[in-house]
Amino acid sequence: MDFERVDMREMTEEEMIKAGEMAEIVFKLNHTMPNTDEYNSLLKELLGDNLGENSQIMAPIAGAAFDRLKVGNNVFINSNSLLMARGGITVEDDVMMAANVQLLSNNHDEYDRQVLTCKPIHIKRGAWIGAGASILPGVTIGEYAIVGAGAIVTKDVGDYEVAVGVPAKVVKTLDKDKF
């Protein structure tokens, strides 16, 4: 099986308490002035050691399982991001994401909505994700790849590739010697 199945009815009390604590931090973060010591402290509290140096996630944000989100160095994630990290999300160094991006590493089972199917998302170094793009479970975005605004990505995008559309299709390969 290449994915994890999680039955939400079987969450332990500890997992529910942790989820509640993360939701409280996200609420505070979303009601704090960005780029202040308080804001940066809340972001660090939410992600701990999983937040790389010189990286910023702009509020408001929404999501779940932030302990499964790993953000590299020099990453910028603009406002209104939805980060559903139950399946794990890894964002490598030097990635930029425009506003309203959705990273969805989990989805509800077709027949039992209380069961999540979870597959990791991996966004490699130097990738750029356009405004309103959605990256679905199990997808890898390659090094220096570009995902166009509004794209819905259901399949991997290779290194230096440009993907656009619904569903996203690769339309161009960039010259890697220019990076």
Foldseek 3Di string as FASTA:
>chain_A
DQWDKDQLVPDDPVNVVVFVVLVVLLVVLQVDDPPDPVNVVSVCVNAPPLAEACEDAHDDEEETPSPLEHAYYCEYHYYPEYEHAPQHEYEYPQEYEDYQEYEEQWDADPPHRSMIIGAYEYEDAQEYEYANEYEYHNEYEEHNEYEYHNEYEDYYHYHQFYWYDDPTDTDDGHDPVVD
